[in-house]
C-alpha atoms as a PDB file:
ATOM      1  CA  MET A   1       0.000   0.000   0.000  1.00  0.00           C
ATOM      2  CA  THR A   2       1.296   3.436  -0.942  1.00  0.00           C
ATOM      3  CA  LYS A   3       2.150   5.737   1.969  1.00  0.00           C
ATOM      4  CA  LYS A   4      -0.439   8.441   2.539  1.00  0.00           C
ATOM      5  CA  ASN A   5       0.117  11.854   4.131  1.00  0.00           C
ATOM      6  CA  ALA A   6      -2.118  14.897   4.581  1.00  0.00           C
ATOM      7  CA  LEU A   7      -1.430  18.403   3.298  1.00  0.00           C
ATOM      8  CA  ILE A   8      -3.535  21.511   3.805  1.00  0.00           C
ATOM      9  CA  ALA A   9      -4.106  23.839   0.852  1.00  0.00           C
ATOM     10  CA  ALA A  10      -5.896  27.092   0.138  1.00  0.00           C
ATOM     11  CA  LYS A  11      -7.545  27.982  -3.146  1.00  0.00           C
ATOM     12  CA  ARG A  12      -6.058  30.799  -5.215  1.00  0.00           C
ATOM     13  CA  GLU A  13      -7.913  32.568  -7.990  1.00  0.00           C
ATOM     14  CA  ARG A  14      -5.028  34.062  -9.898  1.00  0.00           C
ATOM     15  CA  ALA A  15      -1.751  32.882 -11.394  1.00  0.00           C
ATOM     16  CA  GLY A  16       1.401  34.605 -12.571  1.00  0.00           C
ATOM     17  CA  LYS A  17       4.829  35.643 -11.332  1.00  0.00           C
ATOM     18  CA  GLY A  18       3.500  38.520  -9.243  1.00  0.00           C
ATOM     19  CA  VAL A  19       1.082  36.244  -7.377  1.00  0.00           C
ATOM     20  CA  ALA A  20       3.838  33.664  -6.867  1.00  0.00           C
ATOM     21  CA  ARG A  21       6.214  36.258  -5.404  1.00  0.00           C
ATOM     22  CA  SER A  22       3.506  37.515  -3.074  1.00  0.00           C
ATOM     23  CA  LEU A  23       2.786  33.982  -1.853  1.00  0.00           C
ATOM     24  CA  ARG A  24       6.464  33.264  -1.225  1.00  0.00           C
ATOM     25  CA  ARG A  25       6.774  36.389   0.888  1.00  0.00           C
ATOM     26  CA  GLU A  26       4.019  34.883   3.059  1.00  0.00           C
ATOM     27  CA  GLY A  27       5.870  31.542   3.356  1.00  0.00           C
ATOM     28  CA  ARG A  28       3.618  29.805   0.831  1.00  0.00           C
ATOM     29  CA  ILE A  29       4.068  28.396  -2.661  1.00  0.00           C
ATOM     30  CA  PRO A  30       1.737  28.035  -5.673  1.00  0.00           C
ATOM     31  CA  ALA A  31       0.626  24.569  -6.763  1.00  0.00           C
ATOM     32  CA  VAL A  32      -1.982  22.945  -8.991  1.00  0.00           C
ATOM     33  CA  ILE A  33      -4.116  19.796  -8.860  1.00  0.00           C
ATOM     34  CA  TYR A  34      -5.022  18.308 -12.257  1.00  0.00           C
ATOM     35  CA  GLY A  35      -6.154  15.079 -13.896  1.00  0.00           C
ATOM     36  CA  ASP A  36      -8.999  12.556 -13.555  1.00  0.00           C
ATOM     37  CA  LYS A  37     -10.863  14.403 -16.341  1.00  0.00           C
ATOM     38  CA  LYS A  38     -11.611  17.315 -14.015  1.00  0.00           C
ATOM     39  CA  GLU A  39     -10.759  20.997 -14.181  1.00  0.00           C
ATOM     40  CA  PRO A  40      -7.351  21.927 -12.751  1.00  0.00           C
ATOM     41  CA  VAL A  41      -7.510  23.646  -9.368  1.00  0.00           C
ATOM     42  CA  LYS A  42      -4.981  26.351  -8.490  1.00  0.00           C
ATOM     43  CA  ILE A  43      -3.923  26.198  -4.849  1.00  0.00           C
ATOM     44  CA  SER A  44      -1.301  27.501  -2.434  1.00  0.00           C
ATOM     45  CA  MET A  45       0.475  25.517   0.281  1.00  0.00           C
ATOM     46  CA  SER A  46       2.841  26.026   3.209  1.00  0.00           C
ATOM     47  CA  LEU A  47       6.439  26.124   1.951  1.00  0.00           C
ATOM     48  CA  ASN A  48       7.707  24.670   5.235  1.00  0.00           C
ATOM     49  CA  GLU A  49       5.347  21.655   5.116  1.00  0.00           C
ATOM     50  CA  CYS A  50       6.201  20.957   1.478  1.00  0.00           C
ATOM     51  CA  MET A  51       9.946  21.227   2.117  1.00  0.00           C
ATOM     52  CA  ILE A  52       9.673  18.682   4.944  1.00  0.00           C
ATOM     53  CA  GLU A  53       7.920  16.244   2.594  1.00  0.00           C
ATOM     54  CA  TYR A  54      10.416  16.865  -0.198  1.00  0.00           C
ATOM     55  CA  ARG A  55      13.489  16.343   2.016  1.00  0.00           C
ATOM     56  CA  ARG A  56      12.183  12.991   3.195  1.00  0.00           C
ATOM     57  CA  GLY A  57      12.998  11.756  -0.282  1.00  0.00           C
ATOM     58  CA  HIS A  58       9.730   9.952  -1.045  1.00  0.00           C
ATOM     59  CA  MET A  59       7.531  12.775  -2.302  1.00  0.00           C
ATOM     60  CA  PHE A  60       6.950  11.238  -5.734  1.00  0.00           C
ATOM     61  CA  THR A  61       5.890   7.866  -4.303  1.00  0.00           C
ATOM     62  CA  THR A  62       3.673   9.181  -1.487  1.00  0.00           C
ATOM     63  CA  LEU A  63      -0.079   9.700  -1.782  1.00  0.00           C
ATOM     64  CA  TYR A  64      -1.391  12.995  -0.434  1.00  0.00           C
ATOM     65  CA  ASP A  65      -4.818  13.773   0.938  1.00  0.00           C
ATOM     66  CA  ILE A  66      -4.882  17.442   0.006  1.00  0.00           C
ATOM     67  CA  GLN A  67      -7.478  19.135   2.214  1.00  0.00           C
ATOM     68  CA  LEU A  68      -9.050  22.038   0.348  1.00  0.00           C
ATOM     69  CA  GLU A  69     -12.133  23.909   1.512  1.00  0.00           C
ATOM     70  CA  GLY A  70     -13.561  20.931   3.382  1.00  0.00           C
ATOM     71  CA  LYS A  71     -12.861  18.451   0.565  1.00  0.00           C
ATOM     72  CA  GLU A  72     -10.058  15.936   0.137  1.00  0.00           C
ATOM     73  CA  HIS A  73      -8.209  15.477  -3.133  1.00  0.00           C
ATOM     74  CA  LEU A  74      -6.201  12.257  -3.384  1.00  0.00           C
ATOM     75  CA  ALA A  75      -3.114  13.123  -5.411  1.00  0.00           C
ATOM     76  CA  LEU A  76       0.507  12.320  -6.257  1.00  0.00           C
ATOM     77  CA  ALA A  77       3.246  14.902  -6.764  1.00  0.00           C
ATOM     78  CA  ARG A  78       4.378  14.643 -10.379  1.00  0.00           C
ATOM     79  CA  ASP A  79       6.613  17.694 -10.749  1.00  0.00           C
ATOM     80  CA  VAL A  80       8.433  19.885  -8.232  1.00  0.00           C
ATOM     81  CA  GLN A  81      10.171  23.054  -9.401  1.00  0.00           C
ATOM     82  CA  ILE A  82      13.221  24.000  -7.307  1.00  0.00           C
ATOM     83  CA  HIS A  83      14.983  27.381  -7.129  1.00  0.00           C
ATOM     84  CA  PRO A  84      18.464  26.913  -8.659  1.00  0.00           C
ATOM     85  CA  VAL A  85      20.227  28.907  -5.914  1.00  0.00           C
ATOM     86  CA  THR A  86      18.237  28.458  -2.686  1.00  0.00           C
ATOM     87  CA  ASP A  87      16.962  24.901  -3.409  1.00  0.00           C
ATOM     88  CA  ALA A  88      13.550  26.004  -2.107  1.00  0.00           C
ATOM     89  CA  ILE A  89      10.405  24.634  -3.748  1.00  0.00           C
ATOM     90  CA  GLU A  90       8.795  27.137  -6.113  1.00  0.00           C
ATOM     91  CA  HIS A  91       5.843  25.160  -7.517  1.00  0.00           C
ATOM     92  CA  ILE A  92       4.298  21.672  -7.330  1.00  0.00           C
ATOM     93  CA  ASP A  93       2.091  19.825  -9.812  1.00  0.00           C
ATOM     94  CA  PHE A  94      -0.233  17.242  -8.212  1.00  0.00           C
ATOM     95  CA  LEU A  95      -2.051  14.547 -10.203  1.00  0.00           C
ATOM     96  CA  ARG A  96      -5.467  13.367  -9.002  1.00  0.00           C
ATOM     97  CA  VAL A  97      -5.563   9.577  -8.675  1.00  0.00           C
ATOM     98  CA  THR A  98      -8.110   6.830  -8.070  1.00  0.00           C
ATOM     99  CA  PRO A  99      -7.778   3.075  -7.368  1.00  0.00           C
ATOM    100  CA  LYS A 100      -7.856   2.566 -11.159  1.00  0.00           C
ATOM    101  CA  THR A 101      -4.987   4.954 -11.891  1.00  0.00           C
ATOM    102  CA  MET A 102      -1.890   3.245 -13.333  1.00  0.00           C
ATOM    103  CA  ILE A 103       1.180   5.474 -13.449  1.00  0.00           C
ATOM    104  CA  PRO A 104       4.927   5.241 -14.103  1.00  0.00           C
ATOM    105  CA  VAL A 105       7.064   6.026 -11.042  1.00  0.00           C
ATOM    106  CA  TRP A 106      10.779   5.919 -10.245  1.00  0.00           C
ATOM    107  CA  VAL A 107      11.463   3.528  -7.358  1.00  0.00           C
ATOM    108  CA  PRO A 108      14.805   3.107  -5.510  1.00  0.00           C
ATOM    109  CA  VAL A 109      16.744  -0.154  -5.868  1.00  0.00           C
ATOM    110  CA  HIS A 110      17.860  -1.952  -2.684  1.00  0.00           C
ATOM    111  CA  PHE A 111      20.424  -4.779  -2.851  1.00  0.00           C
ATOM    112  CA  ILE A 112      20.201  -7.651  -0.352  1.00  0.00           C
ATOM    113  CA  ASN A 113      22.231 -10.749   0.618  1.00  0.00           C
ATOM    114  CA  HIS A 114      25.659  -9.262  -0.039  1.00  0.00           C
ATOM    115  CA  ASP A 115      27.220 -11.923   2.237  1.00  0.00           C
ATOM    116  CA  ASP A 116      25.791 -14.716   0.061  1.00  0.00           C
ATOM    117  CA  SER A 117      27.490 -13.448  -3.105  1.00  0.00           C
ATOM    118  CA  PRO A 118      30.747 -15.291  -3.977  1.00  0.00           C
ATOM    119  CA  GLY A 119      31.776 -12.296  -6.079  1.00  0.00           C
ATOM    120  CA  ILE A 120      31.399  -9.871  -3.175  1.00  0.00           C
ATOM    121  CA  PHE A 121      33.161 -12.382  -0.864  1.00  0.00           C
ATOM    122  CA  GLN A 122      36.122 -12.303  -3.273  1.00  0.00           C
ATOM    123  CA  LYS A 123      36.305  -8.528  -2.748  1.00  0.00           C
ATOM    124  CA  GLY A 124      34.413  -7.768  -5.930  1.00  0.00           C
ATOM    125  CA  VAL A 125      32.917  -4.300  -6.319  1.00  0.00           C
ATOM    126  CA  LEU A 126      29.166  -3.820  -6.812  1.00  0.00           C
ATOM    127  CA  ASN A 127      28.922  -1.349  -9.700  1.00  0.00           C
ATOM    128  CA  VAL A 128      25.378   0.062  -9.642  1.00  0.00           C
ATOM    129  CA  VAL A 129      24.149   1.095 -13.094  1.00  0.00           C
ATOM    130  CA  ARG A 130      20.622   2.091 -12.012  1.00  0.00           C
ATOM    131  CA  HIS A 131      19.953   3.406  -8.513  1.00  0.00           C
ATOM    132  CA  GLU A 132      16.277   3.795  -9.463  1.00  0.00           C
ATOM    133  CA  VAL A 133      14.036   1.873 -11.847  1.00  0.00           C
ATOM    134  CA  GLU A 134      10.929   3.232 -13.576  1.00  0.00           C
ATOM    135  CA  LEU A 135       7.956   0.983 -12.832  1.00  0.00           C
ATOM    136  CA  MET A 136       4.338   0.933 -13.967  1.00  0.00           C
ATOM    137  CA  CYS A 137       2.006   0.340 -11.041  1.00  0.00           C
ATOM    138  CA  SER A 138      -1.251   1.295  -9.372  1.00  0.00           C
ATOM    139  CA  ALA A 139      -1.232   4.672  -7.659  1.00  0.00           C
ATOM    140  CA  MET A 140      -2.544   2.863  -4.572  1.00  0.00           C
ATOM    141  CA  ASP A 141       0.312   0.343  -4.481  1.00  0.00           C
ATOM    142  CA  ILE A 142       3.576   2.134  -5.204  1.00  0.00           C
ATOM    143  CA  PRO A 143       6.485   0.178  -3.670  1.00  0.00           C
ATOM    144  CA  GLU A 144       8.895   2.138  -1.465  1.00  0.00           C
ATOM    145  CA  GLN A 145      11.790   0.200  -3.006  1.00  0.00           C
ATOM    146  CA  ILE A 146      12.523  -2.967  -4.922  1.00  0.00           C
ATOM    147  CA  ASP A 147      14.826  -5.645  -3.478  1.00  0.00           C
ATOM    148  CA  VAL A 148      17.468  -7.209  -5.706  1.00  0.00           C
ATOM    149  CA  ASP A 149      18.999 -10.505  -4.496  1.00  0.00           C
ATOM    150  CA  LEU A 150      22.797 -10.851  -4.821  1.00  0.00           C
ATOM    151  CA  ALA A 151      22.899 -14.427  -3.520  1.00  0.00           C
ATOM    152  CA  GLY A 152      25.015 -16.671  -5.774  1.00  0.00           C
ATOM    153  CA  LYS A 153      26.312 -13.834  -7.941  1.00  0.00           C
ATOM    154  CA  GLU A 154      29.913 -14.331  -9.121  1.00  0.00           C
ATOM    155  CA  LEU A 155      32.590 -11.909 -10.294  1.00  0.00           C
ATOM    156  CA  GLY A 156      31.584 -10.478 -13.654  1.00  0.00           C
ATOM    157  CA  ASP A 157      27.921 -11.426 -13.264  1.00  0.00           C
ATOM    158  CA  PRO A 158      25.342  -8.861 -14.390  1.00  0.00           C
ATOM    159  CA  ILE A 159      22.379  -8.229 -12.078  1.00  0.00           C
ATOM    160  CA  LYS A 160      19.246  -7.870 -14.210  1.00  0.00           C
ATOM    161  CA  ILE A 161      15.757  -6.528 -13.585  1.00  0.00           C
ATOM    162  CA  SER A 162      14.628 -10.174 -13.560  1.00  0.00           C
ATOM    163  CA  ASP A 163      16.628 -10.568 -10.312  1.00  0.00           C
ATOM    164  CA  ALA A 164      14.395  -7.987  -8.614  1.00  0.00           C
ATOM    165  CA  ALA A 165      11.439  -9.035  -6.479  1.00  0.00           C
ATOM    166  CA  LEU A 166       8.595  -6.998  -8.014  1.00  0.00           C
ATOM    167  CA  PRO A 167       5.239  -6.883  -6.215  1.00  0.00           C
ATOM    168  CA  GLU A 168       2.199  -8.333  -7.953  1.00  0.00           C
ATOM    169  CA  GLY A 169       0.839  -6.011 -10.638  1.00  0.00           C
ATOM    170  CA  VAL A 170       4.083  -4.035 -10.887  1.00  0.00           C
ATOM    171  CA  LYS A 171       6.048  -4.126 -14.149  1.00  0.00           C
ATOM    172  CA  PRO A 172       9.104  -2.274 -15.443  1.00  0.00           C
ATOM    173  CA  VAL A 173       8.357   0.452 -17.973  1.00  0.00           C
ATOM    174  CA  ILE A 174      11.140  -1.006 -20.154  1.00  0.00           C
ATOM    175  CA  SER A 175       9.438  -4.260 -21.066  1.00  0.00           C
ATOM    176  CA  ASN A 176      11.236  -5.364 -24.238  1.00  0.00           C
ATOM    177  CA  ARG A 177      14.502  -6.498 -22.598  1.00  0.00           C
ATOM    178  CA  ASP A 178      15.956  -7.796 -19.350  1.00  0.00           C
ATOM    179  CA  PHE A 179      18.068  -4.720 -18.623  1.00  0.00           C
ATOM    180  CA  THR A 180      21.074  -4.528 -16.293  1.00  0.00           C
ATOM    181  CA  ILE A 181      20.788  -2.889 -12.871  1.00  0.00           C
ATOM    182  CA  ALA A 182      24.323  -3.580 -11.622  1.00  0.00           C
ATOM    183  CA  THR A 183      27.420  -5.728 -12.170  1.00  0.00           C
ATOM    184  CA  ILE A 184      29.974  -7.295  -9.838  1.00  0.00           C
ATOM    185  CA  MET A 185      33.378  -6.115 -10.991  1.00  0.00           C
ATOM    186  CA  ALA A 186      36.672  -7.832 -10.188  1.00  0.00           C
ATOM    187  CA  PRO A 187      38.840  -5.967  -7.657  1.00  0.00           C
ATOM    188  CA  LYS A 188      41.639  -3.839  -9.064  1.00  0.00           C
ATOM    189  CA  VAL A 189      45.087  -5.428  -8.797  1.00  0.00           C
ATOM    190  CA  GLY A 190      47.928  -3.093  -7.745  1.00  0.00           C
ATOM    191  CA  LYS A 191      51.452  -3.102  -9.185  1.00  0.00           C
ATOM    192  CA  GLU A 192      54.010  -5.589  -7.933  1.00  0.00           C
ATOM    193  CA  ALA A 193      56.276  -4.214  -5.206  1.00  0.00           C
ATOM    194  CA  GLY A 194      59.331  -4.582  -7.446  1.00  0.00           C
ATOM    195  CA  GLU A 195      57.625  -2.635 -10.246  1.00  0.00           C
ATOM    196  CA  GLU A 196      56.761   0.196  -7.879  1.00  0.00           C
ATOM    197  CA  GLU A 197      60.350   0.376  -6.664  1.00  0.00           C
ATOM    198  CA  ALA A 198      61.620   0.388 -10.227  1.00  0.00           C
ATOM    199  CA  THR A 199      59.449   3.377 -11.080  1.00  0.00           C
ATOM    200  CA  GLU A 200      60.906   5.221  -8.095  1.00  0.00           C
ATOM    201  CA  GLY A 201      64.496   4.932  -9.433  1.00  0.00           C
ATOM    202  CA  GLY A 202      65.842   1.640  -8.116  1.00  0.00           C
ATOM    203  CA  GLU A 203      66.577   0.060  -4.754  1.00  0.00           C
ATOM    204  CA  GLU A 204      67.720   2.039  -1.729  1.00  0.00           C
ATOM    205  CA  GLY A 205      71.503   2.580  -1.661  1.00  0.00           C
ATOM    206  CA  GLN A 206      72.006   1.778  -5.340  1.00  0.00           C
ATOM    207  CA  ALA A 207      74.422   4.160  -7.126  1.00  0.00           C
ATOM    208  CA  PRO A 208      72.976   6.236  -9.963  1.00  0.00           C
ATOM    209  CA  ALA A 209      73.584   4.917 -13.444  1.00  0.00           C
ATOM    210  CA  GLU A 210      76.587   6.182 -15.352  1.00  0.00           C
ATOM    211  CA  GLY A 211      75.810   9.531 -16.938  1.00  0.00           C
ATOM    212  CA  ALA A 212      72.821  10.156 -14.673  1.00  0.00           C
ATOM    213  CA  ALA A 213      72.337  13.570 -13.117  1.00  0.00           C
ATOM    214  CA  ALA A 214      73.988  14.054  -9.715  1.00  0.00           C
ATOM    215  CA  PRO A 215      71.808  14.586  -6.636  1.00  0.00           C
ATOM    216  CA  ALA A 216      70.728  18.172  -6.042  1.00  0.00           C
ATOM    217  CA  ALA A 217      73.097  18.644  -3.061  1.00  0.00           C
ATOM    218  CA  GLU A 218      76.150  17.467  -5.046  1.00  0.00           C
ATOM    219  CA  ALA A 219      75.219  19.578  -8.027  1.00  0.00           C
ATOM    220  CA  GLY A 220      75.058  22.637  -5.825  1.00  0.00           C
ATOM    221  CA  ALA A 221      78.499  21.882  -4.358  1.00  0.00           C
ATOM    222  CA  GLU A 222      80.099  21.572  -7.801  1.00  0.00           C
ATOM    223  CA  LYS A 223      78.775  25.009  -8.786  1.00  0.00           C
ATOM    224  CA  LYS A 224      80.575  26.539  -5.809  1.00  0.00           C
END
């Protein structure tokens, strides 16, 4: 079941930059509720409340009961405009939803059973290609995350979307291929100790090769 939170809104009659600036001076932001074959409704909301929801990191997968003039509008945030300098929310688009609404959403990927992966045990590195996956699901049943099992995965193995445990009725938006989510890469091998010493100019105490430049101290003495 999708998480559900409540937000309080007030109706606004006008739109435009001037109205938006006035609202922000009052600690509020403009927003709109649209969809479900109904007229869009222009609203304003508390900036502080919306910032709290946004910083939790699940705003696009949380259902909101938007309370407006004694009525509740069940909606999902579909677009949040952020100020490029202050990172404060400037506007939110909410989509009305019903139990029949199917929508695409981005859901975080969570990897499990690291200790049961031979590749990880051999100090392999989990290279994550997709930290989120776009899924098609009911607006009432948006998963918080999808679990991907690493058990049995060897070095060099790709981890595909087919390795993810998707809830019933949830499908990836990319449906024509079993795409890669991550790979287990072999650990990097450092240079041999002898090679490192060779690059540093030979072993300690070894005389410089014939014709090589003298050490800085000796060179300075010869100039005197």
